[in-house]
Amino acid sequence: GAALAPALRRLALETLIGAVRRDPRVLRLTVQIFSRDADDREDYATHLTSLGLKPLEVRNGYQQTLVLDLRLDERTIFEGFERSGRRNIKAAAKCPATIAPITDPRYAARLETLMIETLTRTGGRYAAQDWRAMIDLTREAPHLSRLVGVFRNDAEGPESLLAFAWGCAHGDHVEYSQGGSTREVPFRMPMAYPLMWDLITWAKRIGATWFDFGGVSDAADTEGDDPLRGISAFKRYFSHEVVTVADEWVYEPSSVRARAARIAHRWLSR
């Protein structure tokens, strides 16, 4: 994306494709360009096309996302949220719970449990993750990662963690990567709102100029079985600015081998 200087982009792509061509085991190379700057993505497109790559529908991650301008002062940012969003953030502060970073590796198993419970509710599929590594990164590089949780005040240890959110810094912006929660809460608290606000204020503190809410569904898609519809509606309490940030490209060094692999995969999947 934008982090790679324009003068180096062609060389970087040529080096990557050269490595693929030298390894006969590689059947397909997928390149995703991530930048909210359309000129950046067009510059990459020019190089990728000339190198033989073809555009592909974005399947790894998201193509559009909601963004928030962090160059404004904190009060102005807060006042720009939907009224109910602001109310839920304020209400959470009155609950018997604490918002704090998760830096103790003992919470790794609890994070996995919360993630699985959340995906079960939304119909998502869980992929195993290294939660301990995320906790270590948050503790050792707090300017790059913030794993923050809601802890009930009347309990201790991993079971006290009721919800979490993870933010990742990428130079000029911070991305909301993922979050999870339990419904087994002994009090009423809109937990996701203060967690998102915590990540936004952290992003501003470390010098990010914009916040990426981690993808969004079409606002017009109010029906159907889109598992992201609910979380997308939640994100819109904080922002309504949708931007395109990603393009995806594909390269197959040997179309014959790639076609044979696809045919074999279809047969083996029957």
Protein backbone atom coordinates (compact mmCIF):
# COMPACT_ATOMS: atom_id res chain seq x y z
CA GLY A 1 0.00 0.00 0.00
CA ALA A 2 0.94 3.60 0.64
CA ALA A 3 3.78 2.60 2.97
CA LEU A 4 5.89 1.48 -0.03
CA ALA A 5 7.50 4.46 -1.81
CA PRO A 6 6.36 4.88 -5.45
CA ALA A 7 9.94 4.53 -6.72
CA LEU A 8 10.23 1.07 -5.11
CA ARG A 9 6.89 -0.43 -6.11
CA ARG A 10 7.91 -1.78 -9.51
CA LEU A 11 11.08 -3.35 -8.11
CA ALA A 12 9.21 -4.91 -5.18
CA LEU A 13 6.61 -6.48 -7.47
CA GLU A 14 9.23 -7.75 -9.94
CA THR A 15 11.17 -9.32 -7.06
CA LEU A 16 8.03 -11.01 -5.72
CA ILE A 17 7.01 -12.40 -9.11
CA GLY A 18 10.58 -13.53 -9.80
CA ALA A 19 10.56 -15.56 -6.59
CA VAL A 20 7.26 -17.17 -7.60
CA ARG A 21 8.57 -18.12 -11.04
CA ARG A 22 11.63 -19.81 -9.54
CA ASP A 23 9.54 -22.06 -7.29
CA PRO A 24 7.62 -24.72 -9.27
CA ARG A 25 5.47 -25.52 -6.24
CA VAL A 26 3.69 -22.16 -6.42
CA LEU A 27 0.43 -22.41 -8.36
CA ARG A 28 -0.99 -18.97 -7.65
CA LEU A 29 0.12 -15.62 -6.26
CA THR A 30 -2.49 -13.26 -4.84
CA VAL A 31 -1.52 -9.63 -4.29
CA GLN A 32 -3.76 -7.31 -2.30
CA ILE A 33 -3.26 -3.57 -2.53
CA PHE A 34 -4.46 -1.64 0.53
CA SER A 35 -4.68 2.16 0.43
CA ARG A 36 -7.52 4.65 0.72
CA ASP A 37 -5.73 6.75 -1.93
CA ALA A 38 -7.20 5.88 -5.34
CA ASP A 39 -4.08 7.23 -7.08
CA ASP A 40 -1.92 4.80 -5.09
CA ARG A 41 -4.07 1.86 -6.11
CA GLU A 42 -4.07 3.01 -9.75
CA ASP A 43 -0.27 3.28 -9.70
CA TYR A 44 -0.03 -0.31 -8.48
CA ALA A 45 -2.59 -1.39 -11.08
CA THR A 46 -0.41 -0.04 -13.88
CA HIS A 47 2.60 -2.08 -12.69
CA LEU A 48 0.58 -5.21 -11.95
CA THR A 49 -1.11 -5.22 -15.36
CA SER A 50 2.19 -4.84 -17.19
CA LEU A 51 3.64 -7.73 -15.15
CA GLY A 52 0.86 -10.08 -16.19
CA LEU A 53 -1.41 -10.01 -13.15
CA LYS A 54 -5.18 -9.90 -13.49
CA PRO A 55 -7.71 -8.12 -11.26
CA LEU A 56 -9.70 -10.35 -8.94
CA GLU A 57 -12.73 -9.79 -6.74
CA VAL A 58 -11.50 -9.01 -3.23
CA ARG A 59 -11.87 -12.19 -1.21
CA ASN A 60 -9.15 -11.80 1.42
CA GLY A 61 -10.43 -9.18 3.80
CA TYR A 62 -12.62 -6.29 2.67
CA GLN A 63 -12.75 -3.79 -0.18
CA GLN A 64 -14.74 -1.02 1.50
CA THR A 65 -14.66 0.23 5.06
CA LEU A 66 -15.93 2.99 7.32
CA VAL A 67 -13.30 5.53 8.31
CA LEU A 68 -12.99 8.24 10.95
CA ASP A 69 -10.84 11.37 10.69
CA LEU A 70 -8.58 11.53 13.76
CA ARG A 71 -7.07 14.93 12.94
CA LEU A 72 -9.98 16.58 14.76
CA ASP A 73 -9.86 17.17 18.51
CA GLU A 74 -11.24 14.43 20.75
CA ARG A 75 -14.38 16.33 21.77
CA THR A 76 -15.30 17.05 18.14
CA ILE A 77 -14.80 13.39 17.24
CA PHE A 78 -17.04 12.30 20.10
CA GLU A 79 -19.76 14.78 19.25
CA GLY A 80 -19.77 13.44 15.70
CA PHE A 81 -21.04 10.03 16.80
CA GLU A 82 -24.70 9.10 16.67
CA ARG A 83 -26.56 10.25 19.77
CA SER A 84 -27.27 6.71 20.99
CA GLY A 85 -23.60 5.83 20.51
CA ARG A 86 -22.52 8.70 22.72
CA ARG A 87 -25.14 7.74 25.30
CA ASN A 88 -23.92 4.14 25.41
CA ILE A 89 -20.31 5.19 25.93
CA LYS A 90 -21.33 7.42 28.84
CA ALA A 91 -23.62 4.76 30.31
CA ALA A 92 -20.83 2.18 30.31
CA ALA A 93 -18.75 4.39 32.59
CA LYS A 94 -21.40 3.99 35.32
CA CYS A 95 -21.32 0.18 35.27
CA PRO A 96 -19.38 -1.96 37.80
CA ALA A 97 -16.71 -2.80 35.25
CA THR A 98 -13.24 -1.64 34.23
CA ILE A 99 -11.87 -1.00 30.74
CA ALA A 100 -8.17 -1.97 30.58
CA PRO A 101 -5.53 -3.47 28.25
CA ILE A 102 -5.15 -7.26 28.26
CA THR A 103 -1.47 -7.96 28.89
CA ASP A 104 -1.52 -11.15 30.96
CA PRO A 105 -1.04 -14.38 28.93
CA ARG A 106 -3.42 -16.18 31.32
CA TYR A 107 -6.29 -14.57 29.39
CA ALA A 108 -5.45 -16.31 26.08
CA ALA A 109 -7.92 -19.18 26.57
CA ARG A 110 -10.64 -16.77 27.69
CA LEU A 111 -10.19 -14.68 24.53
CA GLU A 112 -10.66 -17.79 22.42
CA THR A 113 -13.82 -18.70 24.35
CA LEU A 114 -15.29 -15.23 23.84
CA MET A 115 -14.43 -15.28 20.13
CA ILE A 116 -16.05 -18.68 19.60
CA GLU A 117 -19.19 -17.61 21.49
CA THR A 118 -19.46 -14.45 19.40
CA LEU A 119 -19.04 -16.27 16.08
CA THR A 120 -21.59 -18.87 17.15
CA ARG A 121 -24.13 -16.08 17.64
CA THR A 122 -23.39 -14.47 14.28
CA GLY A 123 -23.01 -17.65 12.25
CA GLY A 124 -19.31 -17.09 11.58
CA ARG A 125 -16.59 -19.73 11.34
CA TYR A 126 -13.80 -19.77 13.88
CA ALA A 127 -10.18 -20.07 12.73
CA ALA A 128 -7.62 -20.86 15.40
CA GLN A 129 -5.48 -17.88 16.39
CA ASP A 130 -2.41 -17.28 18.50
CA TRP A 131 -4.02 -15.28 21.28
CA ARG A 132 -0.91 -15.42 23.43
CA ALA A 133 1.08 -13.71 20.67
CA MET A 134 -1.53 -10.92 20.48
CA ILE A 135 -1.28 -10.41 24.24
CA ASP A 136 2.53 -10.38 24.08
CA LEU A 137 2.48 -7.81 21.27
CA THR A 138 0.13 -5.55 23.24
CA ARG A 139 2.41 -5.73 26.27
CA GLU A 140 5.71 -5.33 24.41
CA ALA A 141 4.68 -2.89 21.65
CA PRO A 142 1.76 -0.80 22.93
CA HIS A 143 2.26 1.65 20.05
CA LEU A 144 1.44 -1.13 17.55
CA SER A 145 -1.24 -3.22 19.23
CA ARG A 146 -3.98 -2.62 21.77
CA LEU A 147 -5.98 -5.56 23.07
CA VAL A 148 -8.48 -4.01 25.46
CA GLY A 149 -11.16 -5.66 27.58
CA VAL A 150 -14.15 -5.12 29.82
CA PHE A 151 -13.50 -6.66 33.27
CA ARG A 152 -16.21 -7.13 35.88
CA ASN A 153 -15.20 -5.56 39.19
CA ASP A 154 -16.58 -8.32 41.42
CA ALA A 155 -14.35 -11.09 40.02
CA GLU A 156 -10.70 -11.82 39.33
CA GLY A 157 -8.76 -13.84 36.79
CA PRO A 158 -9.70 -14.82 33.23
CA GLU A 159 -13.42 -15.30 34.02
CA SER A 160 -13.68 -11.60 34.88
CA LEU A 161 -13.15 -10.72 31.20
CA LEU A 162 -16.54 -10.12 29.55
CA ALA A 163 -15.60 -8.58 26.21
CA PHE A 164 -12.58 -7.48 24.18
CA ALA A 165 -11.54 -5.54 21.10
CA TRP A 166 -8.24 -5.55 19.22
CA GLY A 167 -6.77 -2.58 17.37
CA CYS A 168 -3.67 -2.74 15.14
CA ALA A 169 -1.55 0.25 14.08
CA HIS A 170 -0.48 0.53 10.43
CA GLY A 171 1.53 3.73 10.16
CA ASP A 172 -0.95 6.50 9.40
CA HIS A 173 -4.02 4.57 10.56
CA VAL A 174 -5.33 2.07 13.10
CA GLU A 175 -7.55 -0.86 12.17
CA TYR A 176 -10.25 -2.38 14.32
CA SER A 177 -9.28 -6.00 13.77
CA GLN A 178 -11.72 -8.05 15.82
CA GLY A 179 -13.71 -8.31 18.99
CA GLY A 180 -15.78 -10.71 21.06
CA SER A 181 -18.06 -10.85 24.09
CA THR A 182 -20.24 -13.04 26.24
CA ARG A 183 -23.96 -12.67 26.89
CA GLU A 184 -23.50 -13.98 30.44
CA VAL A 185 -23.14 -10.55 32.06
CA PRO A 186 -24.47 -9.93 35.59
CA PHE A 187 -25.46 -6.34 34.74
CA ARG A 188 -26.63 -4.35 31.74
CA MET A 189 -23.78 -2.71 29.87
CA PRO A 190 -23.27 -1.73 26.21
CA MET A 191 -19.75 -3.20 26.21
CA ALA A 192 -18.80 -2.78 22.54
CA TYR A 193 -19.20 1.02 22.60
CA PRO A 194 -16.60 1.90 25.26
CA LEU A 195 -14.18 -0.62 23.73
CA MET A 196 -14.42 1.04 20.32
CA TRP A 197 -14.05 4.48 21.89
CA ASP A 198 -10.96 3.25 23.75
CA LEU A 199 -9.36 2.11 20.48
CA ILE A 200 -10.22 5.41 18.78
CA THR A 201 -8.64 7.51 21.54
CA TRP A 202 -5.60 5.20 21.59
CA ALA A 203 -5.23 5.63 17.82
CA LYS A 204 -5.26 9.39 18.23
CA ARG A 205 -2.69 9.25 21.06
CA ILE A 206 -0.18 7.29 18.99
CA GLY A 207 -0.43 9.75 16.08
CA ALA A 208 -2.72 7.96 13.61
CA THR A 209 -4.61 10.32 11.30
CA TRP A 210 -7.54 8.02 10.53
CA PHE A 211 -9.33 5.02 11.97
CA ASP A 212 -10.36 1.99 9.91
CA PHE A 213 -13.41 0.16 11.28
CA GLY A 214 -12.36 -3.09 9.60
CA GLY A 215 -14.80 -3.38 6.72
CA VAL A 216 -18.51 -2.69 6.29
CA SER A 217 -21.54 -4.19 4.59
CA ASP A 218 -23.71 -2.25 2.17
CA ALA A 219 -26.01 0.06 4.13
CA ALA A 220 -28.85 -0.85 1.78
CA ASP A 221 -28.52 -4.53 2.62
CA THR A 222 -31.08 -4.73 5.41
CA GLU A 223 -32.20 -8.26 4.60
CA GLY A 224 -30.51 -11.55 3.81
CA ASP A 225 -28.03 -13.64 5.76
CA ASP A 226 -24.99 -11.34 5.74
CA PRO A 227 -23.25 -12.12 9.06
CA LEU A 228 -21.62 -8.67 9.03
CA ARG A 229 -24.88 -6.73 8.87
CA GLY A 230 -25.20 -6.39 12.65
CA ILE A 231 -21.60 -5.31 13.28
CA SER A 232 -21.79 -2.94 10.31
CA ALA A 233 -24.86 -1.25 11.82
CA PHE A 234 -22.92 -0.89 15.09
CA LYS A 235 -19.95 0.70 13.32
CA ARG A 236 -22.23 3.29 11.73
CA TYR A 237 -22.89 4.75 15.18
CA PHE A 238 -19.34 6.11 14.90
CA SER A 239 -18.99 7.01 11.21
CA HIS A 240 -20.88 7.14 7.93
CA GLU A 241 -17.89 7.78 5.65
CA VAL A 242 -17.35 4.75 3.43
CA VAL A 243 -14.18 4.53 1.32
CA THR A 244 -12.67 1.93 -1.00
CA VAL A 245 -9.35 0.71 0.37
CA ALA A 246 -8.42 -2.54 -1.37
CA ASP A 247 -7.92 -4.20 -4.74
CA GLU A 248 -6.88 -7.78 -5.34
CA TRP A 249 -4.78 -9.22 -8.17
CA VAL A 250 -3.81 -12.75 -9.16
CA TYR A 251 -0.86 -14.28 -11.00
CA GLU A 252 -0.52 -17.91 -12.13
CA PRO A 253 3.03 -18.72 -13.34
CA SER A 254 1.71 -21.80 -15.18
CA SER A 255 -1.92 -21.67 -16.31
CA VAL A 256 -1.79 -25.40 -17.19
CA ARG A 257 -0.63 -26.49 -13.73
CA ALA A 258 -3.08 -24.11 -12.04
CA ARG A 259 -5.98 -25.47 -14.12
CA ALA A 260 -4.99 -29.06 -13.33
CA ALA A 261 -4.85 -28.24 -9.63
CA ARG A 262 -8.35 -26.72 -9.72
CA ILE A 263 -9.76 -29.79 -11.47
CA ALA A 264 -8.08 -32.10 -8.96
CA HIS A 265 -9.42 -30.02 -6.07
CA ARG A 266 -12.98 -30.26 -7.40
CA TRP A 267 -12.73 -34.03 -7.72
CA LEU A 268 -11.22 -34.47 -4.25
CA SER A 269 -13.89 -32.23 -2.73
CA ARG A 270 -16.76 -34.42 -3.95
